[in-house]
C-alpha cells in the first residue's frame, strides 16, 4: 500500500517537544492520521496526544539510548502494528570554530544527530522491508550541504546524515522505501534558543568570523523568517508526492545558500576539469 492511498498512515516523529517535531506531529494529528509522538519528556507532548482521540501515543525517547529506542518501537507496534513514516528530527546544535571544539560536546552531538538517527533507521527498516513500503525523513539542515564558520561540527553531523540517507535511498528504492532529506534554513525553532550549545573556550583570532556568527545566531533566535508550521505542511506534501524529493530545502535563505554552494562547486569543476580528466590517464 502506498502512503498516498493509506487512509491513516502511522508517523513516528522524534524530538516532538518543540519546533519542527511538534508542528509536524500537530499537523499529522490534524489530518486524522496516527502518530507516535516521541520526546525525552513525554509529558511535554501530552496536549498533542490528547487532541488525537486515540490516534496518537506519547513515548519517552532519547535517541542516544538503545533501550529507549527498543521500548518506543515496541509501544508503536503494540499501538498501531507498524510504522509508515519515520521522521528523524531529534538533535541539537553546537557552535564553535573548529579549533575551539570541545571533544565531549562534539561527540555528544554526533551521538544525537547522527548515531541516534541511524539507530532509528535500523529499527524501522525490517518492518518497512517486509511491507515493501515506507518513507524515512531525515531533518538535516542547510548546514548539511553548506559549511559555515562557527558551526563546522554541527555541519559535520548533518553532512554525515545526508551521506547516510543518500546511500540508504539507493539501497531501498527497489524495496518500495523512500528517503527524503529535509534541509531547513533559519526557522523560528528552539535550535538557536535554549537547545543551542556554544564553546566555552573561545579563541580571539576567530572572534571576527566564527565568534561574530555565533553572536548573530543567538541574537536572531525567535526572529528567523522560517515558519515551522508551514514547514510541516510542506514536509507532508513532499511525503505524499508521487515522486518524493530526495532533498527538500526549506526557506528562501536556505535556497540562496544552497544555490551559492552549487555555483561555487560548478566553478571549481569547470576550472579544474582538464587536470581532473588528466589524472585518469593510465601509467605507461
Protein backbone atom coordinates (compact mmCIF):
# COMPACT_ATOMS: atom_id res chain seq x y z
CA UNK A 1 0.00 0.00 0.00
CA UNK A 2 1.42 3.39 -0.96
CA UNK A 3 1.34 6.20 1.57
CA UNK A 4 -0.87 8.27 -0.70
CA UNK A 5 -3.52 5.54 -0.63
CA UNK A 6 -3.19 4.78 3.08
CA UNK A 7 -6.14 6.46 4.77
CA UNK A 8 -4.41 6.66 8.14
CA UNK A 9 -0.64 6.23 7.88
CA UNK A 10 1.42 5.87 11.04
CA UNK A 11 4.05 8.57 11.55
CA UNK A 12 6.83 8.11 14.12
CA UNK A 13 8.34 11.53 14.86
CA UNK A 14 11.29 12.11 17.17
CA UNK A 15 12.06 15.30 19.06
CA UNK A 16 8.46 16.49 19.38
CA UNK A 17 8.72 18.75 22.41
CA UNK A 18 9.37 21.87 20.30
CA UNK A 19 10.00 23.16 16.78
CA UNK A 20 9.64 21.06 13.66
CA UNK A 21 8.80 17.88 15.54
CA UNK A 22 5.97 19.45 17.48
CA UNK A 23 4.49 21.26 14.50
CA UNK A 24 4.75 18.17 12.32
CA UNK A 25 3.09 15.97 14.95
CA UNK A 26 0.28 18.53 15.28
CA UNK A 27 -0.22 18.61 11.50
CA UNK A 28 -0.27 14.83 11.23
CA UNK A 29 -2.82 14.56 14.02
CA UNK A 30 -4.91 17.36 12.50
CA UNK A 31 -5.18 15.33 9.29
CA UNK A 32 -6.65 12.43 11.21
CA UNK A 33 -3.60 10.23 10.86
CA UNK A 34 -1.94 8.13 13.55
CA UNK A 35 1.21 9.29 15.28
CA UNK A 36 3.90 8.11 17.64
CA UNK A 37 4.91 11.35 19.32
CA UNK A 38 8.38 10.92 20.80
CA UNK A 39 10.16 13.20 23.25
CA UNK A 40 12.71 12.82 26.02
CA UNK A 41 9.98 14.07 28.37
CA UNK A 42 6.66 12.63 27.17
CA UNK A 43 4.75 15.00 29.48
CA UNK A 44 5.75 17.82 27.11
CA UNK A 45 3.61 16.33 24.32
CA UNK A 46 0.56 15.27 26.34
CA UNK A 47 -1.52 18.06 24.84
CA UNK A 48 -0.79 16.81 21.31
CA UNK A 49 -1.81 13.27 22.13
CA UNK A 50 -4.99 14.35 23.92
CA UNK A 51 -6.30 16.07 20.81
CA UNK A 52 -5.80 12.91 18.72
CA UNK A 53 -8.77 10.98 20.15
CA UNK A 54 -6.85 7.72 20.48
CA UNK A 55 -4.90 8.06 17.24
CA UNK A 56 -1.61 9.02 18.88
CA UNK A 57 0.64 7.83 21.66
CA UNK A 58 3.42 9.63 23.50
CA UNK A 59 6.66 7.72 24.02
CA UNK A 60 9.73 8.52 26.04
CA UNK A 61 12.70 8.61 23.69
CA UNK A 62 16.28 9.73 23.96
CA UNK A 63 17.68 8.53 20.63
CA UNK A 64 21.11 8.04 22.19
CA UNK A 65 19.72 5.24 24.39
CA UNK A 66 19.19 1.88 22.67
CA UNK A 67 16.87 0.67 25.44
CA UNK A 68 14.53 3.62 24.90
CA UNK A 69 14.55 3.09 21.13
CA UNK A 70 13.59 -0.56 21.64
CA UNK A 71 10.84 0.35 24.11
CA UNK A 72 9.44 3.11 21.88
CA UNK A 73 9.36 0.81 18.83
CA UNK A 74 7.62 -1.87 20.91
CA UNK A 75 4.99 0.66 22.00
CA UNK A 76 4.50 1.76 18.40
CA UNK A 77 3.98 -1.80 17.17
CA UNK A 78 1.61 -2.58 20.05
CA UNK A 79 -0.47 0.52 19.36
CA UNK A 80 -0.52 0.56 15.56
CA UNK A 81 1.18 -2.57 14.28
CA UNK A 82 3.77 -0.82 12.11
CA UNK A 83 5.37 2.49 11.11
CA UNK A 84 4.79 4.06 7.68
CA UNK A 85 6.85 7.22 8.08
CA UNK A 86 9.85 7.79 10.32
CA UNK A 87 10.87 11.41 10.88
CA UNK A 88 14.33 11.76 12.41
CA UNK A 89 14.06 15.20 13.96
CA UNK A 90 15.71 14.84 17.39
CA UNK A 91 19.03 16.60 17.82
CA UNK A 92 20.69 19.83 18.84
CA UNK A 93 23.27 22.38 17.75
CA UNK A 94 26.72 23.29 18.99
CA UNK A 95 28.66 26.35 17.84
CA UNK A 96 32.44 26.53 17.82
CA UNK A 97 35.24 27.26 15.43
CA UNK A 98 36.97 24.01 14.55
CA UNK A 99 39.96 24.75 16.80
CA UNK A 100 37.60 25.72 19.64
CA UNK A 101 35.76 22.41 19.58
CA UNK A 102 35.39 20.53 22.87
CA UNK A 103 35.66 16.80 22.32
CA UNK A 104 32.92 15.76 24.77
CA UNK A 105 30.43 18.24 23.30
CA UNK A 106 31.21 17.22 19.72
CA UNK A 107 30.85 13.52 20.47
CA UNK A 108 27.58 14.07 22.33
CA UNK A 109 26.19 15.95 19.35
CA UNK A 110 27.22 13.17 16.95
CA UNK A 111 25.52 10.64 19.24
CA UNK A 112 22.21 12.51 18.99
CA UNK A 113 22.29 13.97 15.49
CA UNK A 114 23.88 11.08 13.60
CA UNK A 115 24.18 7.84 15.56
CA UNK A 116 20.73 8.24 17.12
CA UNK A 117 19.15 8.85 13.71
CA UNK A 118 21.00 5.85 12.25
CA UNK A 119 19.74 3.65 15.08
CA UNK A 120 16.16 4.76 14.45
CA UNK A 121 16.54 3.97 10.74
CA UNK A 122 17.77 0.47 11.54
CA UNK A 123 14.86 -0.01 13.93
CA UNK A 124 12.14 0.71 11.33
CA UNK A 125 13.73 -0.88 8.26
CA UNK A 126 12.81 -4.53 8.97
CA UNK A 127 9.09 -3.73 9.07
CA UNK A 128 9.27 -1.45 6.05
CA UNK A 129 11.13 -4.11 4.07
CA UNK A 130 8.55 -6.70 5.00
CA UNK A 131 5.70 -4.47 3.79
CA UNK A 132 7.69 -3.14 0.80
CA UNK A 133 6.54 0.34 1.80
CA UNK A 134 7.69 3.22 3.93
CA UNK A 135 9.30 6.65 4.00
CA UNK A 136 12.25 7.85 6.06
CA UNK A 137 12.52 11.61 6.51
CA UNK A 138 15.77 12.93 7.93
CA UNK A 139 15.61 16.51 9.19
CA UNK A 140 19.16 17.59 8.41
CA UNK A 141 19.86 21.26 7.71
CA UNK A 142 21.14 23.62 5.09
CA UNK A 143 24.20 23.07 7.27
CA UNK A 144 24.22 19.53 5.92
CA UNK A 145 25.00 20.94 2.49
CA UNK A 146 26.92 24.15 3.30
CA UNK A 147 29.63 24.52 5.93
CA UNK A 148 29.68 27.89 7.66
CA UNK A 149 32.16 29.39 10.15
CA UNK A 150 31.35 28.63 13.75
CA UNK A 151 29.14 25.62 13.04
CA UNK A 152 31.56 23.18 11.42
CA UNK A 153 30.96 20.38 13.91
CA UNK A 154 27.20 20.73 13.64
CA UNK A 155 27.55 20.70 9.85
CA UNK A 156 29.67 17.55 10.12
CA UNK A 157 26.82 15.71 11.89
CA UNK A 158 24.37 16.79 9.21
CA UNK A 159 26.74 16.11 6.29
CA UNK A 160 27.11 12.60 7.74
CA UNK A 161 23.34 12.10 7.91
CA UNK A 162 22.99 13.40 4.35
CA UNK A 163 25.51 10.83 3.11
CA UNK A 164 23.86 8.01 5.04
CA UNK A 165 20.43 8.91 3.69
CA UNK A 166 21.67 9.19 0.12
CA UNK A 167 23.19 5.71 0.28
CA UNK A 168 20.08 4.35 2.02
CA UNK A 169 17.83 5.71 -0.72
CA UNK A 170 19.74 3.75 -3.34
CA UNK A 171 19.71 0.61 -1.20
CA UNK A 172 15.96 0.67 -0.55
CA UNK A 173 14.48 2.15 -3.75
CA UNK A 174 13.68 -1.29 -5.16
CA UNK A 175 12.09 -2.26 -1.83
CA UNK A 176 9.48 0.50 -2.00
CA UNK A 177 11.09 2.59 0.73
CA UNK A 178 11.58 6.32 0.08
CA UNK A 179 14.15 8.59 1.72
CA UNK A 180 14.00 12.39 1.92
CA UNK A 181 16.47 14.81 3.47
CA UNK A 182 14.79 17.99 4.71
CA UNK A 183 17.23 20.91 4.83
CA UNK A 184 15.81 23.93 6.67
CA UNK A 185 17.48 27.31 6.64
CA UNK A 186 16.82 29.77 9.52
CA UNK A 187 13.50 28.91 11.19
CA UNK A 188 11.77 30.02 14.38
CA UNK A 189 12.51 26.85 16.34
CA UNK A 190 14.34 26.35 19.61
CA UNK A 191 17.53 25.34 17.78
CA UNK A 192 19.13 28.74 18.33
CA UNK A 193 17.49 29.18 21.75
CA UNK A 194 17.75 27.01 24.85
CA UNK A 195 18.76 23.93 22.82
CA UNK A 196 21.88 25.57 21.40
CA UNK A 197 25.27 24.90 22.98
CA UNK A 198 28.36 27.02 22.42
CA UNK A 199 32.05 26.51 23.06
CA UNK A 200 33.44 27.54 26.42
CA UNK A 201 36.96 28.04 25.04
CA UNK A 202 36.65 30.86 22.50
CA UNK A 203 39.85 31.94 20.74
CA UNK A 204 40.33 35.65 19.99
CA UNK A 205 41.71 35.05 16.50
CA UNK A 206 38.32 33.67 15.42
CA UNK A 207 36.22 36.39 17.05
CA UNK A 208 35.56 38.32 13.83
CA UNK A 209 34.46 35.23 11.89
CA UNK A 210 33.16 32.31 13.96
CA UNK A 211 32.58 34.43 17.05
CA UNK A 212 30.58 37.07 15.22
CA UNK A 213 28.43 34.43 13.56
CA UNK A 214 27.76 32.72 16.90
CA UNK A 215 26.58 36.00 18.36
CA UNK A 216 24.42 36.73 15.33
CA UNK A 217 22.69 33.35 15.51
CA UNK A 218 21.86 33.84 19.19
CA UNK A 219 20.60 37.40 18.63
CA UNK A 220 18.24 36.31 15.83
CA UNK A 221 16.66 33.48 17.81
CA UNK A 222 12.89 33.77 17.52
CA UNK A 223 13.18 36.31 14.68
CA UNK A 224 14.13 33.96 11.83
CA UNK A 225 11.97 34.14 8.68
CA UNK A 226 11.04 30.45 8.59
CA UNK A 227 7.66 29.32 10.00
CA UNK A 228 7.83 25.75 11.44
CA UNK A 229 4.07 25.25 10.99
CA UNK A 230 4.34 26.00 7.27
CA UNK A 231 7.42 23.80 7.05
CA UNK A 232 5.38 20.92 8.50
CA UNK A 233 2.80 21.30 5.74
CA UNK A 234 5.48 21.26 3.03
CA UNK A 235 7.10 18.16 4.53
CA UNK A 236 3.76 16.35 4.45
CA UNK A 237 3.22 17.40 0.83
CA UNK A 238 6.64 16.02 -0.06
CA UNK A 239 5.93 12.67 1.59
CA UNK A 240 2.60 12.39 -0.23
CA UNK A 241 4.06 13.37 -3.62
CA UNK A 242 4.04 10.63 -6.30
CA UNK A 243 7.78 11.23 -6.67
CA UNK A 244 9.01 12.50 -3.29
CA UNK A 245 12.10 14.70 -3.42
CA UNK A 246 15.44 13.31 -2.31
CA UNK A 247 16.23 16.80 -0.98
CA UNK A 248 13.78 19.39 0.34
CA UNK A 249 15.40 22.74 1.12
CA UNK A 250 13.10 24.94 3.20
CA UNK A 251 13.04 28.73 3.18
CA UNK A 252 14.38 31.42 0.86
CA UNK A 253 17.56 31.94 2.88
CA UNK A 254 18.27 28.23 2.73
CA UNK A 255 17.71 28.07 -1.01
CA UNK A 256 20.06 31.01 -1.55
CA UNK A 257 22.80 29.33 0.48
CA UNK A 258 22.47 26.04 -1.37
CA UNK A 259 22.39 27.67 -4.80
CA UNK A 260 25.53 29.60 -3.88
CA UNK A 261 27.25 26.37 -2.85
CA UNK A 262 26.26 24.68 -6.12
CA UNK A 263 27.57 27.65 -8.12
CA UNK A 264 30.93 27.52 -6.32
CA UNK A 265 31.13 23.78 -6.83
CA UNK A 266 30.43 24.13 -10.55
CA UNK A 267 33.07 26.87 -10.81
CA UNK A 268 35.69 24.56 -9.29
CA UNK A 269 34.62 21.65 -11.52
CA UNK A 270 34.91 23.79 -14.64
CA UNK A 271 38.20 25.38 -13.64
CA UNK A 272 39.87 22.04 -12.92
CA UNK A 273 38.09 19.85 -15.47
CA UNK A 274 41.14 19.38 -17.72
CA UNK A 275 43.53 18.47 -14.91
CA UNK A 276 40.93 16.25 -13.29
CA UNK A 277 40.45 14.33 -16.54
CA UNK A 278 44.22 14.08 -17.00
CA UNK A 279 44.53 12.22 -13.70
CA UNK A 280 42.69 9.27 -15.30
CA UNK A 281 45.45 8.64 -17.87
CA UNK A 282 46.99 5.20 -17.40
CA UNK A 283 50.56 4.77 -16.19
CA UNK A 284 52.77 3.76 -19.12
